[in-house]
Amino acid sequence: MTSSPQTELYFIRHGIAAERGTYANDDERPLTDKGRSRTQAVAERLIALDCKVELILSSPLIRARQTSQILVAAGLAPTAKPLELLAPGGHLTDWLLWLADWQLAHPVGRLALVGHEPDLSSWAQQLVHGEARDRWQLKKAGVIGVQVPEAKGAIGHSHLFWLTPPRLLL
């Protein structure tokens, strides 16, 4: 008998980025020096807590890709890949289709999703509560951990196991 899929998701908000309006295209705002160093410190703390994942998926925006590169360099995952579904305004139901395919090959696994607010905290709330009702706020370089069952039935049936602002990881 095979067990049903169980996936640990780590929602990680990108690090501190250049101010809005400093780049013509918001998608091009990179991490600041403070954002890089703070993200590096959070990554090192996650590794010290033995938090490792199989894959990091990131929004295609530069600040999220830079954050995922820092996490990979620290040893959180062997690789990262951008995923358009994690761009601002992406839909959880679309991403759950991606997860269902991934779970076929990885019935028990760990993923990190690097992206943006309010999407990440909204997705986590939907997975846990069935709707985004409590307006969790994920700070830059903060982490939310959610245990997700089979992707098809994940909304409202997942379990929160971690909600940490970056200051508690530094």
N, C-alpha and C. Protein backbone atom coordinates (compact mmCIF):
# COMPACT_ATOMS: atom_id res chain seq x y z
N MET A 1 0.84 -1.19 0.00
CA MET A 1 0.00 0.00 0.00
C MET A 1 0.88 1.24 0.00
N THR A 2 0.60 2.19 -0.85
CA THR A 2 1.37 3.43 -0.91
C THR A 2 0.73 4.48 -0.02
N SER A 3 1.56 5.30 0.58
CA SER A 3 1.03 6.37 1.43
C SER A 3 0.61 7.56 0.58
N SER A 4 -0.31 8.34 1.13
CA SER A 4 -0.73 9.54 0.39
C SER A 4 0.38 10.58 0.48
N PRO A 5 0.46 11.43 -0.53
CA PRO A 5 1.53 12.44 -0.55
C PRO A 5 1.47 13.38 0.66
N GLN A 6 2.62 13.76 1.13
CA GLN A 6 2.77 14.76 2.18
C GLN A 6 3.94 15.64 1.78
N THR A 7 3.69 16.92 1.65
CA THR A 7 4.73 17.85 1.24
C THR A 7 4.86 18.95 2.28
N GLU A 8 6.09 19.19 2.71
CA GLU A 8 6.37 20.35 3.55
C GLU A 8 6.70 21.51 2.63
N LEU A 9 5.93 22.58 2.77
CA LEU A 9 6.17 23.79 2.00
C LEU A 9 6.73 24.87 2.91
N TYR A 10 7.77 25.52 2.45
CA TYR A 10 8.32 26.67 3.15
C TYR A 10 8.10 27.89 2.26
N PHE A 11 7.18 28.73 2.66
CA PHE A 11 6.93 29.98 1.94
C PHE A 11 7.93 30.99 2.46
N ILE A 12 8.79 31.51 1.61
CA ILE A 12 9.83 32.46 2.01
C ILE A 12 9.67 33.72 1.18
N ARG A 13 9.47 34.83 1.86
CA ARG A 13 9.36 36.09 1.13
C ARG A 13 10.75 36.56 0.73
N HIS A 14 10.84 37.17 -0.43
CA HIS A 14 12.13 37.70 -0.89
C HIS A 14 12.70 38.69 0.13
N GLY A 15 14.00 38.91 0.06
CA GLY A 15 14.66 39.84 0.96
C GLY A 15 14.35 41.30 0.62
N ILE A 16 14.90 42.19 1.40
CA ILE A 16 14.68 43.63 1.22
C ILE A 16 15.20 44.05 -0.16
N ALA A 17 14.34 44.71 -0.90
CA ALA A 17 14.66 45.12 -2.27
C ALA A 17 14.72 46.64 -2.39
N ALA A 18 15.25 47.10 -3.50
CA ALA A 18 15.29 48.54 -3.79
C ALA A 18 13.88 49.11 -3.69
N GLU A 19 13.80 50.37 -3.33
CA GLU A 19 12.51 51.04 -3.16
C GLU A 19 11.71 51.05 -4.46
N ARG A 20 10.41 50.98 -4.29
CA ARG A 20 9.52 51.10 -5.46
C ARG A 20 9.77 52.45 -6.12
N GLY A 21 9.71 52.47 -7.43
CA GLY A 21 9.90 53.71 -8.17
C GLY A 21 11.34 54.00 -8.54
N THR A 22 12.30 53.22 -8.00
CA THR A 22 13.71 53.46 -8.35
C THR A 22 14.09 52.78 -9.66
N TYR A 23 13.24 51.89 -10.14
CA TYR A 23 13.45 51.22 -11.43
C TYR A 23 12.19 51.42 -12.27
N ALA A 24 12.37 51.60 -13.55
CA ALA A 24 11.23 51.83 -14.45
C ALA A 24 10.27 50.64 -14.41
N ASN A 25 10.82 49.45 -14.30
CA ASN A 25 10.02 48.24 -14.26
C ASN A 25 10.17 47.62 -12.87
N ASP A 26 9.07 47.49 -12.13
CA ASP A 26 9.11 46.95 -10.77
C ASP A 26 9.70 45.55 -10.73
N ASP A 27 9.55 44.79 -11.80
CA ASP A 27 10.08 43.43 -11.85
C ASP A 27 11.60 43.40 -11.73
N GLU A 28 12.26 44.52 -12.01
CA GLU A 28 13.72 44.58 -12.03
C GLU A 28 14.34 45.06 -10.72
N ARG A 29 13.51 45.33 -9.70
CA ARG A 29 14.08 45.80 -8.43
C ARG A 29 14.90 44.70 -7.77
N PRO A 30 16.22 44.89 -7.59
CA PRO A 30 17.06 43.86 -6.99
C PRO A 30 17.07 43.98 -5.46
N LEU A 31 17.67 42.98 -4.82
CA LEU A 31 17.89 43.07 -3.38
C LEU A 31 18.89 44.17 -3.09
N THR A 32 18.73 44.82 -1.96
CA THR A 32 19.72 45.79 -1.50
C THR A 32 20.85 45.04 -0.80
N ASP A 33 21.92 45.75 -0.46
CA ASP A 33 22.99 45.12 0.31
C ASP A 33 22.45 44.57 1.63
N LYS A 34 21.59 45.36 2.29
CA LYS A 34 20.98 44.90 3.54
C LYS A 34 20.10 43.68 3.29
N GLY A 35 19.38 43.69 2.18
CA GLY A 35 18.54 42.55 1.83
C GLY A 35 19.34 41.29 1.60
N ARG A 36 20.48 41.42 0.92
CA ARG A 36 21.34 40.26 0.69
C ARG A 36 21.93 39.74 2.00
N SER A 37 22.42 40.64 2.85
CA SER A 37 23.05 40.18 4.10
C SER A 37 22.03 39.59 5.06
N ARG A 38 20.85 40.18 5.12
CA ARG A 38 19.82 39.66 6.02
C ARG A 38 19.31 38.30 5.51
N THR A 39 19.13 38.18 4.21
CA THR A 39 18.71 36.90 3.63
C THR A 39 19.77 35.84 3.86
N GLN A 40 21.03 36.21 3.73
CA GLN A 40 22.13 35.28 3.99
C GLN A 40 22.08 34.80 5.45
N ALA A 41 21.85 35.71 6.38
CA ALA A 41 21.77 35.34 7.80
C ALA A 41 20.59 34.41 8.07
N VAL A 42 19.45 34.70 7.46
CA VAL A 42 18.28 33.82 7.62
C VAL A 42 18.59 32.44 7.02
N ALA A 43 19.22 32.40 5.86
CA ALA A 43 19.57 31.13 5.22
C ALA A 43 20.49 30.31 6.11
N GLU A 44 21.48 30.94 6.70
CA GLU A 44 22.41 30.24 7.58
C GLU A 44 21.69 29.69 8.81
N ARG A 45 20.75 30.46 9.33
CA ARG A 45 19.98 30.00 10.50
C ARG A 45 19.08 28.81 10.12
N LEU A 46 18.47 28.86 8.95
CA LEU A 46 17.64 27.74 8.50
C LEU A 46 18.48 26.47 8.38
N ILE A 47 19.68 26.59 7.85
CA ILE A 47 20.58 25.44 7.73
C ILE A 47 20.96 24.93 9.12
N ALA A 48 21.25 25.84 10.05
CA ALA A 48 21.58 25.43 11.42
C ALA A 48 20.41 24.69 12.09
N LEU A 49 19.19 25.01 11.67
CA LEU A 49 18.00 24.33 12.19
C LEU A 49 17.69 23.05 11.40
N ASP A 50 18.61 22.65 10.52
CA ASP A 50 18.49 21.46 9.69
C ASP A 50 17.29 21.51 8.75
N CYS A 51 17.02 22.69 8.25
CA CYS A 51 15.94 22.87 7.29
C CYS A 51 16.54 22.80 5.90
N LYS A 52 16.24 21.73 5.20
CA LYS A 52 16.71 21.56 3.83
C LYS A 52 15.54 21.09 2.98
N VAL A 53 15.53 21.50 1.75
CA VAL A 53 14.45 21.15 0.82
C VAL A 53 15.04 20.53 -0.44
N GLU A 54 14.18 19.89 -1.20
CA GLU A 54 14.63 19.25 -2.43
C GLU A 54 14.76 20.24 -3.58
N LEU A 55 13.93 21.29 -3.54
CA LEU A 55 13.90 22.24 -4.65
C LEU A 55 13.36 23.57 -4.15
N ILE A 56 13.92 24.64 -4.65
CA ILE A 56 13.39 25.98 -4.39
C ILE A 56 12.77 26.48 -5.69
N LEU A 57 11.52 26.89 -5.59
CA LEU A 57 10.84 27.52 -6.71
C LEU A 57 10.74 28.99 -6.40
N SER A 58 10.99 29.84 -7.37
CA SER A 58 10.92 31.27 -7.11
C SER A 58 10.11 31.99 -8.17
N SER A 59 9.57 33.11 -7.74
CA SER A 59 8.98 34.04 -8.68
C SER A 59 10.06 34.40 -9.70
N PRO A 60 9.69 34.72 -10.92
CA PRO A 60 10.69 35.12 -11.91
C PRO A 60 11.26 36.52 -11.69
N LEU A 61 10.70 37.31 -10.78
CA LEU A 61 11.21 38.65 -10.53
C LEU A 61 12.60 38.58 -9.91
N ILE A 62 13.45 39.53 -10.26
CA ILE A 62 14.86 39.49 -9.89
C ILE A 62 15.08 39.37 -8.38
N ARG A 63 14.32 40.08 -7.58
CA ARG A 63 14.53 40.03 -6.12
C ARG A 63 14.24 38.64 -5.55
N ALA A 64 13.27 37.94 -6.11
CA ALA A 64 12.97 36.59 -5.67
C ALA A 64 14.04 35.60 -6.16
N ARG A 65 14.48 35.78 -7.40
CA ARG A 65 15.53 34.90 -7.93
C ARG A 65 16.83 35.09 -7.14
N GLN A 66 17.17 36.34 -6.79
CA GLN A 66 18.37 36.58 -5.99
C GLN A 66 18.25 35.94 -4.61
N THR A 67 17.07 36.03 -4.01
CA THR A 67 16.84 35.40 -2.72
C THR A 67 17.04 33.89 -2.83
N SER A 68 16.47 33.28 -3.86
CA SER A 68 16.61 31.83 -4.02
C SER A 68 18.06 31.43 -4.27
N GLN A 69 18.81 32.26 -4.98
CA GLN A 69 20.23 31.96 -5.21
C GLN A 69 21.02 31.98 -3.90
N ILE A 70 20.70 32.91 -3.02
CA ILE A 70 21.35 32.96 -1.70
C ILE A 70 21.01 31.70 -0.90
N LEU A 71 19.76 31.27 -0.96
CA LEU A 71 19.33 30.07 -0.23
C LEU A 71 20.03 28.82 -0.76
N VAL A 72 20.18 28.72 -2.09
CA VAL A 72 20.88 27.58 -2.68
C VAL A 72 22.36 27.62 -2.28
N ALA A 73 22.99 28.78 -2.36
CA ALA A 73 24.41 28.89 -2.00
C ALA A 73 24.67 28.52 -0.55
N ALA A 74 23.69 28.78 0.32
CA ALA A 74 23.83 28.45 1.74
C ALA A 74 23.62 26.95 1.99
N GLY A 75 23.04 26.24 1.03
CA GLY A 75 22.83 24.80 1.17
C GLY A 75 21.41 24.39 1.52
N LEU A 76 20.45 25.31 1.39
CA LEU A 76 19.06 24.97 1.69
C LEU A 76 18.51 23.96 0.68
N ALA A 77 18.97 24.04 -0.56
CA ALA A 77 18.52 23.13 -1.62
C ALA A 77 19.64 22.98 -2.64
N PRO A 78 19.62 21.89 -3.39
CA PRO A 78 20.65 21.75 -4.42
C PRO A 78 20.42 22.65 -5.62
N THR A 79 19.18 23.07 -5.83
CA THR A 79 18.90 23.88 -7.01
C THR A 79 17.63 24.72 -6.79
N ALA A 80 17.51 25.74 -7.64
CA ALA A 80 16.32 26.59 -7.65
C ALA A 80 15.92 26.81 -9.09
N LYS A 81 14.63 27.03 -9.29
CA LYS A 81 14.17 27.36 -10.64
C LYS A 81 13.04 28.37 -10.56
N PRO A 82 13.04 29.32 -11.48
CA PRO A 82 11.94 30.29 -11.51
C PRO A 82 10.68 29.62 -12.04
N LEU A 83 9.55 30.06 -11.51
CA LEU A 83 8.27 29.51 -11.92
C LEU A 83 7.29 30.67 -12.06
N GLU A 84 6.80 30.88 -13.25
CA GLU A 84 5.89 32.01 -13.53
C GLU A 84 4.67 32.01 -12.62
N LEU A 85 4.23 30.84 -12.18
CA LEU A 85 3.07 30.75 -11.28
C LEU A 85 3.28 31.49 -9.97
N LEU A 86 4.54 31.77 -9.61
CA LEU A 86 4.84 32.47 -8.36
C LEU A 86 5.03 33.97 -8.54
N ALA A 87 4.83 34.47 -9.75
CA ALA A 87 4.88 35.92 -9.98
C ALA A 87 3.73 36.57 -9.22
N PRO A 88 3.85 37.85 -8.87
CA PRO A 88 2.75 38.52 -8.16
C PRO A 88 1.42 38.33 -8.88
N GLY A 89 0.40 38.02 -8.10
CA GLY A 89 -0.93 37.82 -8.66
C GLY A 89 -1.20 36.40 -9.12
N GLY A 90 -0.24 35.47 -8.91
CA GLY A 90 -0.45 34.08 -9.29
C GLY A 90 -1.57 33.45 -8.46
N HIS A 91 -2.12 32.37 -8.99
CA HIS A 91 -3.26 31.73 -8.33
C HIS A 91 -2.85 30.40 -7.71
N LEU A 92 -3.27 30.21 -6.47
CA LEU A 92 -2.96 28.99 -5.75
C LEU A 92 -3.47 27.75 -6.49
N THR A 93 -4.66 27.81 -7.02
CA THR A 93 -5.22 26.63 -7.70
C THR A 93 -4.37 26.22 -8.90
N ASP A 94 -3.80 27.18 -9.61
CA ASP A 94 -2.90 26.86 -10.72
C ASP A 94 -1.63 26.20 -10.21
N TRP A 95 -1.08 26.72 -9.11
CA TRP A 95 0.13 26.15 -8.54
C TRP A 95 -0.12 24.74 -8.00
N LEU A 96 -1.30 24.50 -7.45
CA LEU A 96 -1.61 23.17 -6.93
C LEU A 96 -1.62 22.12 -8.04
N LEU A 97 -1.93 22.51 -9.27
CA LEU A 97 -1.83 21.58 -10.40
C LEU A 97 -0.37 21.19 -10.62
N TRP A 98 0.54 22.18 -10.51
CA TRP A 98 1.97 21.90 -10.61
C TRP A 98 2.38 20.95 -9.49
N LEU A 99 1.91 21.23 -8.26
CA LEU A 99 2.27 20.40 -7.11
C LEU A 99 1.77 18.97 -7.28
N ALA A 100 0.59 18.79 -7.81
CA ALA A 100 0.06 17.43 -8.01
C ALA A 100 1.00 16.61 -8.89
N ASP A 101 1.51 17.20 -9.95
CA ASP A 101 2.47 16.51 -10.81
C ASP A 101 3.76 16.20 -10.06
N TRP A 102 4.24 17.17 -9.29
CA TRP A 102 5.48 16.99 -8.54
C TRP A 102 5.32 15.88 -7.50
N GLN A 103 4.17 15.82 -6.85
CA GLN A 103 3.94 14.81 -5.81
C GLN A 103 3.92 13.39 -6.38
N LEU A 104 3.60 13.22 -7.65
CA LEU A 104 3.64 11.89 -8.25
C LEU A 104 5.05 11.30 -8.17
N ALA A 105 6.06 12.13 -8.38
CA ALA A 105 7.45 11.68 -8.33
C ALA A 105 8.06 11.83 -6.94
N HIS A 106 7.46 12.64 -6.09
CA HIS A 106 7.99 12.93 -4.75
C HIS A 106 6.85 12.85 -3.73
N PRO A 107 6.36 11.64 -3.41
CA PRO A 107 5.19 11.55 -2.53
C PRO A 107 5.44 12.12 -1.13
N VAL A 108 6.66 12.11 -0.68
CA VAL A 108 7.02 12.77 0.58
C VAL A 108 8.19 13.67 0.25
N GLY A 109 8.01 14.96 0.40
CA GLY A 109 9.07 15.86 0.01
C GLY A 109 8.96 17.22 0.67
N ARG A 110 9.96 18.05 0.39
CA ARG A 110 10.03 19.40 0.92
C ARG A 110 10.35 20.36 -0.21
N LEU A 111 9.58 21.46 -0.26
CA LEU A 111 9.79 22.51 -1.25
C LEU A 111 9.85 23.86 -0.56
N ALA A 112 10.60 24.78 -1.13
CA ALA A 112 10.56 26.18 -0.70
C ALA A 112 10.02 26.99 -1.87
N LEU A 113 9.13 27.92 -1.55
CA LEU A 113 8.57 28.83 -2.55
C LEU A 113 9.01 30.23 -2.17
N VAL A 114 9.74 30.89 -3.04
CA VAL A 114 10.20 32.25 -2.79
C VAL A 114 9.37 33.19 -3.64
N GLY A 115 8.70 34.13 -2.97
CA GLY A 115 7.83 35.01 -3.72
C GLY A 115 7.51 36.29 -2.99
N HIS A 116 6.26 36.70 -3.11
CA HIS A 116 5.86 38.06 -2.74
C HIS A 116 4.63 38.06 -1.85
N GLU A 117 4.44 39.21 -1.21
CA GLU A 117 3.23 39.44 -0.43
C GLU A 117 2.28 40.27 -1.28
N PRO A 118 1.00 40.10 -1.12
CA PRO A 118 0.32 39.28 -0.11
C PRO A 118 0.10 37.84 -0.56
N ASP A 119 0.63 37.47 -1.72
CA ASP A 119 0.34 36.14 -2.27
C ASP A 119 0.75 35.00 -1.35
N LEU A 120 2.00 35.02 -0.86
CA LEU A 120 2.48 33.88 -0.07
C LEU A 120 1.65 33.64 1.18
N SER A 121 1.40 34.70 1.96
CA SER A 121 0.63 34.49 3.19
C SER A 121 -0.82 34.14 2.87
N SER A 122 -1.36 34.67 1.79
CA SER A 122 -2.72 34.33 1.37
C SER A 122 -2.81 32.85 0.99
N TRP A 123 -1.83 32.37 0.22
CA TRP A 123 -1.81 30.96 -0.17
C TRP A 123 -1.73 30.07 1.06
N ALA A 124 -0.84 30.42 2.00
CA ALA A 124 -0.69 29.62 3.21
C ALA A 124 -2.00 29.58 4.00
N GLN A 125 -2.66 30.72 4.13
CA GLN A 125 -3.94 30.75 4.84
C GLN A 125 -5.00 29.92 4.14
N GLN A 126 -5.05 30.00 2.83
CA GLN A 126 -6.02 29.20 2.08
C GLN A 126 -5.77 27.70 2.28
N LEU A 127 -4.51 27.32 2.29
CA LEU A 127 -4.19 25.91 2.50
C LEU A 127 -4.61 25.45 3.89
N VAL A 128 -4.41 26.30 4.90
CA VAL A 128 -4.72 25.92 6.28
C VAL A 128 -6.20 26.12 6.61
N HIS A 129 -6.75 27.28 6.31
CA HIS A 129 -8.12 27.63 6.71
C HIS A 129 -9.18 27.41 5.63
N GLY A 130 -8.76 27.26 4.39
CA GLY A 130 -9.71 27.17 3.30
C GLY A 130 -10.02 28.51 2.67
N GLU A 131 -9.58 29.58 3.32
CA GLU A 131 -9.74 30.94 2.82
C GLU A 131 -8.69 31.83 3.49
N ALA A 132 -8.43 32.97 2.88
CA ALA A 132 -7.48 33.93 3.46
C ALA A 132 -8.27 34.86 4.35
N ARG A 133 -8.38 34.53 5.62
CA ARG A 133 -9.25 35.29 6.51
C ARG A 133 -8.53 36.06 7.60
N ASP A 134 -7.36 35.62 8.00
CA ASP A 134 -6.68 36.22 9.14
C ASP A 134 -5.58 37.19 8.77
N ARG A 135 -5.35 37.38 7.53
CA ARG A 135 -4.34 38.31 7.02
C ARG A 135 -3.00 38.18 7.75
N TRP A 136 -2.42 37.00 7.63
CA TRP A 136 -1.06 36.84 8.13
C TRP A 136 -0.18 37.76 7.32
N GLN A 137 0.87 38.25 7.92
CA GLN A 137 1.80 39.12 7.19
C GLN A 137 3.19 38.51 7.25
N LEU A 138 3.70 38.19 6.09
CA LEU A 138 5.02 37.60 5.99
C LEU A 138 6.03 38.72 5.71
N LYS A 139 6.90 38.96 6.68
CA LYS A 139 7.93 40.00 6.53
C LYS A 139 8.98 39.55 5.51
N LYS A 140 9.75 40.51 5.00
CA LYS A 140 10.79 40.18 4.03
C LYS A 140 11.80 39.23 4.67
N ALA A 141 12.08 38.12 3.98
CA ALA A 141 12.94 37.03 4.42
C ALA A 141 12.31 36.23 5.56
N GLY A 142 11.01 36.38 5.79
CA GLY A 142 10.29 35.58 6.78
C GLY A 142 9.88 34.23 6.19
N VAL A 143 9.44 33.32 7.08
CA VAL A 143 9.13 31.96 6.67
C VAL A 143 7.79 31.50 7.24
N ILE A 144 6.98 30.87 6.40
CA ILE A 144 5.78 30.16 6.83
C ILE A 144 5.95 28.71 6.38
N GLY A 145 5.74 27.78 7.29
CA GLY A 145 5.81 26.36 6.95
C GLY A 145 4.43 25.73 7.02
N VAL A 146 4.06 25.00 5.98
CA VAL A 146 2.76 24.36 5.90
C VAL A 146 2.93 22.92 5.41
N GLN A 147 2.36 21.98 6.16
CA GLN A 147 2.34 20.57 5.75
C GLN A 147 1.12 20.36 4.86
N VAL A 148 1.34 19.93 3.62
CA VAL A 148 0.29 19.82 2.62
C VAL A 148 0.04 18.35 2.28
N PRO A 149 -1.23 17.92 2.34
CA PRO A 149 -1.53 16.56 1.89
C PRO A 149 -1.57 16.53 0.36
N GLU A 150 -2.21 15.54 -0.19
CA GLU A 150 -2.35 15.45 -1.64
C GLU A 150 -2.87 16.77 -2.18
N ALA A 151 -2.26 17.28 -3.22
CA ALA A 151 -2.56 18.61 -3.76
C ALA A 151 -4.05 18.81 -4.05
N LYS A 152 -4.72 17.77 -4.55
CA LYS A 152 -6.14 17.90 -4.90
C LYS A 152 -7.00 18.34 -3.71
N GLY A 153 -6.65 17.90 -2.52
CA GLY A 153 -7.46 18.22 -1.35
C GLY A 153 -6.74 19.09 -0.34
N ALA A 154 -5.76 19.86 -0.80
CA ALA A 154 -4.92 20.61 0.12
C ALA A 154 -5.59 21.84 0.72
N ILE A 155 -6.47 22.51 -0.02
CA ILE A 155 -7.07 23.75 0.47
C ILE A 155 -7.98 23.43 1.65
N GLY A 156 -7.67 24.04 2.78
CA GLY A 156 -8.43 23.83 4.00
C GLY A 156 -8.07 22.57 4.77
N HIS A 157 -7.12 21.79 4.27
CA HIS A 157 -6.74 20.53 4.92
C HIS A 157 -5.24 20.43 5.19
N SER A 158 -4.56 21.54 5.16
CA SER A 158 -3.13 21.57 5.42
C SER A 158 -2.90 22.05 6.84
N HIS A 159 -1.67 21.89 7.32
CA HIS A 159 -1.37 22.22 8.71
C HIS A 159 -0.20 23.19 8.80
N LEU A 160 -0.41 24.26 9.52
CA LEU A 160 0.65 25.23 9.79
C LEU A 160 1.63 24.64 10.79
N PHE A 161 2.94 24.68 10.49
CA PHE A 161 3.92 24.24 11.48
C PHE A 161 4.99 25.29 11.75
N TRP A 162 4.96 26.40 10.99
CA TRP A 162 6.01 27.40 11.18
C TRP A 162 5.51 28.74 10.68
N LEU A 163 5.63 29.77 11.51
CA LEU A 163 5.32 31.15 11.12
C LEU A 163 6.31 32.03 11.87
N THR A 164 7.37 32.43 11.16
CA THR A 164 8.48 33.12 11.81
C THR A 164 8.90 34.37 11.07
N PRO A 165 8.89 35.51 11.78
CA PRO A 165 9.48 36.70 11.16
C PRO A 165 11.01 36.56 11.14
N PRO A 166 11.67 37.26 10.24
CA PRO A 166 13.12 37.11 10.13
C PRO A 166 13.86 37.48 11.41
N ARG A 167 13.34 38.40 12.19
CA ARG A 167 14.06 38.82 13.41
C ARG A 167 14.27 37.66 14.38
N LEU A 168 13.41 36.66 14.34
CA LEU A 168 13.57 35.49 15.21
C LEU A 168 14.57 34.50 14.65
N LEU A 169 14.98 34.68 13.41
CA LEU A 169 15.97 33.82 12.80
C LEU A 169 17.36 34.45 12.74
N LEU A 170 17.43 35.73 13.07
CA LEU A 170 18.73 36.43 13.00
C LEU A 170 19.47 36.36 14.31
